[in-house]
């Protein structure tokens, strides 16, 4: 998600985003983990931060159920 922060900081915007994260991952060098069941709200908010007003986001859930 760090890349999305950089894009926002640089003023980058997009009209289309395909968001297909792994169900789980860990960054050994940073000691961070990503769990789609817990972290999808933050991920989607960050994606929306770099989207054009009428942009489209595709987010196929990789696990079910995901709560909003």
N, C-alpha and C. Protein backbone atom coordinates (compact mmCIF):
# COMPACT_ATOMS: atom_id res chain seq x y z
N UNK A 1 0.81 -1.19 0.00
CA UNK A 1 0.00 0.00 0.00
C UNK A 1 0.85 1.26 0.00
N UNK A 2 2.14 1.10 0.25
CA UNK A 2 3.03 2.26 0.23
C UNK A 2 3.05 2.93 -1.13
N UNK A 3 2.94 2.13 -2.18
CA UNK A 3 2.96 2.70 -3.53
C UNK A 3 1.76 3.63 -3.75
N UNK A 4 0.62 3.29 -3.20
CA UNK A 4 -0.56 4.14 -3.33
C UNK A 4 -0.37 5.47 -2.62
N UNK A 5 0.33 5.45 -1.49
CA UNK A 5 0.64 6.71 -0.79
C UNK A 5 1.50 7.61 -1.68
N UNK A 6 2.48 7.02 -2.34
CA UNK A 6 3.38 7.78 -3.21
C UNK A 6 2.61 8.35 -4.40
N UNK A 7 1.74 7.56 -4.99
CA UNK A 7 0.94 8.04 -6.11
C UNK A 7 0.08 9.24 -5.70
N UNK A 8 -0.55 9.15 -4.54
CA UNK A 8 -1.38 10.25 -4.06
C UNK A 8 -0.53 11.50 -3.81
N UNK A 9 0.61 11.30 -3.17
CA UNK A 9 1.51 12.42 -2.87
C UNK A 9 1.96 13.13 -4.15
N UNK A 10 2.16 12.35 -5.22
CA UNK A 10 2.61 12.91 -6.50
C UNK A 10 1.47 13.44 -7.36
N UNK A 11 0.23 13.34 -6.87
CA UNK A 11 -0.91 13.85 -7.60
C UNK A 11 -1.36 12.99 -8.77
N UNK A 12 -0.93 11.74 -8.78
CA UNK A 12 -1.33 10.82 -9.86
C UNK A 12 -2.80 10.44 -9.69
N UNK A 13 -3.53 10.35 -10.80
CA UNK A 13 -4.91 9.89 -10.76
C UNK A 13 -5.15 8.92 -11.91
N UNK A 14 -6.17 8.09 -11.75
CA UNK A 14 -6.46 7.04 -12.71
C UNK A 14 -7.96 6.96 -12.99
N UNK A 15 -8.30 6.48 -14.17
CA UNK A 15 -9.70 6.28 -14.52
C UNK A 15 -10.12 4.83 -14.35
N UNK A 16 -9.15 3.93 -14.27
CA UNK A 16 -9.44 2.50 -14.14
C UNK A 16 -8.42 1.86 -13.22
N UNK A 17 -8.90 1.01 -12.30
CA UNK A 17 -8.00 0.26 -11.42
C UNK A 17 -8.51 -1.16 -11.29
N UNK A 18 -7.61 -2.12 -11.46
CA UNK A 18 -7.92 -3.53 -11.22
C UNK A 18 -7.16 -3.92 -9.96
N UNK A 19 -7.89 -4.11 -8.89
CA UNK A 19 -7.28 -4.40 -7.58
C UNK A 19 -7.43 -5.89 -7.31
N UNK A 20 -6.31 -6.60 -7.33
CA UNK A 20 -6.33 -8.05 -7.13
C UNK A 20 -5.20 -8.44 -6.18
N UNK A 21 -5.34 -8.09 -4.91
CA UNK A 21 -4.28 -8.36 -3.94
C UNK A 21 -4.25 -9.84 -3.54
N UNK A 22 -3.13 -10.26 -2.96
CA UNK A 22 -3.09 -11.63 -2.42
C UNK A 22 -3.97 -11.71 -1.18
N UNK A 23 -4.37 -12.91 -0.84
CA UNK A 23 -5.17 -13.09 0.38
C UNK A 23 -4.36 -12.76 1.62
N UNK A 24 -3.07 -13.05 1.55
CA UNK A 24 -2.18 -12.79 2.68
C UNK A 24 -0.77 -12.60 2.15
N UNK A 25 -0.04 -11.68 2.74
CA UNK A 25 1.38 -11.54 2.41
C UNK A 25 2.10 -10.89 3.59
N UNK A 26 3.40 -11.04 3.58
CA UNK A 26 4.20 -10.39 4.61
C UNK A 26 5.46 -9.83 3.97
N UNK A 27 5.86 -8.68 4.48
CA UNK A 27 7.09 -8.03 4.03
C UNK A 27 8.14 -8.27 5.11
N UNK A 28 9.01 -9.18 4.86
CA UNK A 28 9.99 -9.55 5.88
C UNK A 28 10.88 -8.39 6.27
N UNK A 29 11.25 -7.56 5.29
CA UNK A 29 12.16 -6.46 5.60
C UNK A 29 11.51 -5.35 6.40
N UNK A 30 10.18 -5.27 6.37
CA UNK A 30 9.48 -4.20 7.09
C UNK A 30 8.67 -4.73 8.27
N UNK A 31 8.59 -6.04 8.41
CA UNK A 31 7.83 -6.62 9.51
C UNK A 31 6.34 -6.38 9.40
N UNK A 32 5.84 -6.13 8.19
CA UNK A 32 4.42 -5.87 7.98
C UNK A 32 3.74 -7.09 7.38
N UNK A 33 2.45 -7.23 7.67
CA UNK A 33 1.65 -8.26 7.03
C UNK A 33 0.43 -7.61 6.39
N UNK A 34 -0.14 -8.30 5.42
CA UNK A 34 -1.36 -7.86 4.77
C UNK A 34 -2.30 -9.05 4.75
N UNK A 35 -3.48 -8.85 5.30
CA UNK A 35 -4.52 -9.88 5.31
C UNK A 35 -5.75 -9.27 4.67
N UNK A 36 -6.15 -9.79 3.53
CA UNK A 36 -7.25 -9.18 2.78
C UNK A 36 -8.53 -9.09 3.61
N UNK A 37 -8.78 -10.07 4.47
CA UNK A 37 -10.00 -10.04 5.29
C UNK A 37 -10.02 -8.83 6.22
N UNK A 38 -8.85 -8.41 6.69
CA UNK A 38 -8.78 -7.29 7.62
C UNK A 38 -8.41 -5.97 6.93
N UNK A 39 -7.59 -6.04 5.91
CA UNK A 39 -7.00 -4.82 5.35
C UNK A 39 -7.67 -4.29 4.08
N UNK A 40 -8.69 -4.98 3.58
CA UNK A 40 -9.31 -4.51 2.34
C UNK A 40 -9.96 -3.13 2.45
N UNK A 41 -10.55 -2.73 3.58
CA UNK A 41 -11.12 -1.37 3.63
C UNK A 41 -10.05 -0.29 3.42
N UNK A 42 -8.92 -0.42 4.09
CA UNK A 42 -7.85 0.57 3.93
C UNK A 42 -7.32 0.57 2.50
N UNK A 43 -7.13 -0.62 1.94
CA UNK A 43 -6.65 -0.73 0.56
C UNK A 43 -7.59 -0.01 -0.40
N UNK A 44 -8.87 -0.28 -0.29
CA UNK A 44 -9.83 0.34 -1.21
C UNK A 44 -9.92 1.85 -1.01
N UNK A 45 -9.83 2.32 0.21
CA UNK A 45 -9.81 3.78 0.45
C UNK A 45 -8.61 4.42 -0.22
N UNK A 46 -7.47 3.77 -0.13
CA UNK A 46 -6.28 4.32 -0.77
C UNK A 46 -6.38 4.29 -2.28
N UNK A 47 -6.98 3.26 -2.82
CA UNK A 47 -7.20 3.21 -4.27
C UNK A 47 -8.14 4.34 -4.67
N UNK A 48 -9.21 4.53 -3.94
CA UNK A 48 -10.16 5.60 -4.26
C UNK A 48 -9.53 6.98 -4.18
N UNK A 49 -8.53 7.14 -3.32
CA UNK A 49 -7.83 8.42 -3.20
C UNK A 49 -7.10 8.82 -4.48
N UNK A 50 -6.76 7.85 -5.32
CA UNK A 50 -6.03 8.17 -6.56
C UNK A 50 -6.89 7.98 -7.81
N UNK A 51 -8.20 7.81 -7.61
CA UNK A 51 -9.10 7.63 -8.75
C UNK A 51 -9.71 8.96 -9.19
N UNK A 52 -9.93 9.06 -10.51
CA UNK A 52 -10.69 10.19 -11.05
C UNK A 52 -12.12 10.09 -10.52
N UNK A 53 -12.84 11.19 -10.56
CA UNK A 53 -14.21 11.24 -10.02
C UNK A 53 -15.10 10.14 -10.58
N UNK A 54 -15.08 9.94 -11.89
CA UNK A 54 -15.93 8.92 -12.51
C UNK A 54 -15.17 7.65 -12.86
N UNK A 55 -14.09 7.38 -12.15
CA UNK A 55 -13.27 6.20 -12.42
C UNK A 55 -13.97 4.91 -12.02
N UNK A 56 -13.41 3.81 -12.50
CA UNK A 56 -13.96 2.48 -12.23
C UNK A 56 -12.92 1.64 -11.51
N UNK A 57 -13.36 0.98 -10.45
CA UNK A 57 -12.48 0.09 -9.69
C UNK A 57 -13.07 -1.32 -9.76
N UNK A 58 -12.27 -2.27 -10.23
CA UNK A 58 -12.64 -3.67 -10.20
C UNK A 58 -11.92 -4.32 -9.03
N UNK A 59 -12.70 -4.96 -8.16
CA UNK A 59 -12.13 -5.60 -6.97
C UNK A 59 -12.77 -6.97 -6.81
N UNK A 60 -12.19 -7.99 -7.46
CA UNK A 60 -12.76 -9.34 -7.31
C UNK A 60 -12.33 -9.93 -5.96
N UNK A 61 -13.26 -10.18 -5.06
CA UNK A 61 -12.87 -10.72 -3.75
C UNK A 61 -12.27 -12.11 -3.91
N UNK A 62 -11.15 -12.32 -3.22
CA UNK A 62 -10.48 -13.62 -3.31
C UNK A 62 -10.92 -14.57 -2.22
N UNK A 63 -11.60 -14.05 -1.21
CA UNK A 63 -12.17 -14.90 -0.16
C UNK A 63 -13.58 -14.43 0.11
N UNK A 64 -14.36 -15.26 0.70
CA UNK A 64 -15.72 -14.85 1.04
C UNK A 64 -15.98 -15.24 2.48
N UNK A 65 -16.78 -14.56 3.20
CA UNK A 65 -17.35 -13.24 2.87
C UNK A 65 -16.41 -12.12 3.33
N UNK A 66 -16.47 -11.02 2.62
CA UNK A 66 -15.79 -9.80 3.04
C UNK A 66 -16.86 -8.84 3.53
N UNK A 67 -16.65 -8.28 4.69
CA UNK A 67 -17.62 -7.31 5.19
C UNK A 67 -17.20 -5.92 4.75
N UNK A 68 -18.16 -5.03 4.51
CA UNK A 68 -17.83 -3.67 4.02
C UNK A 68 -17.05 -2.86 5.01
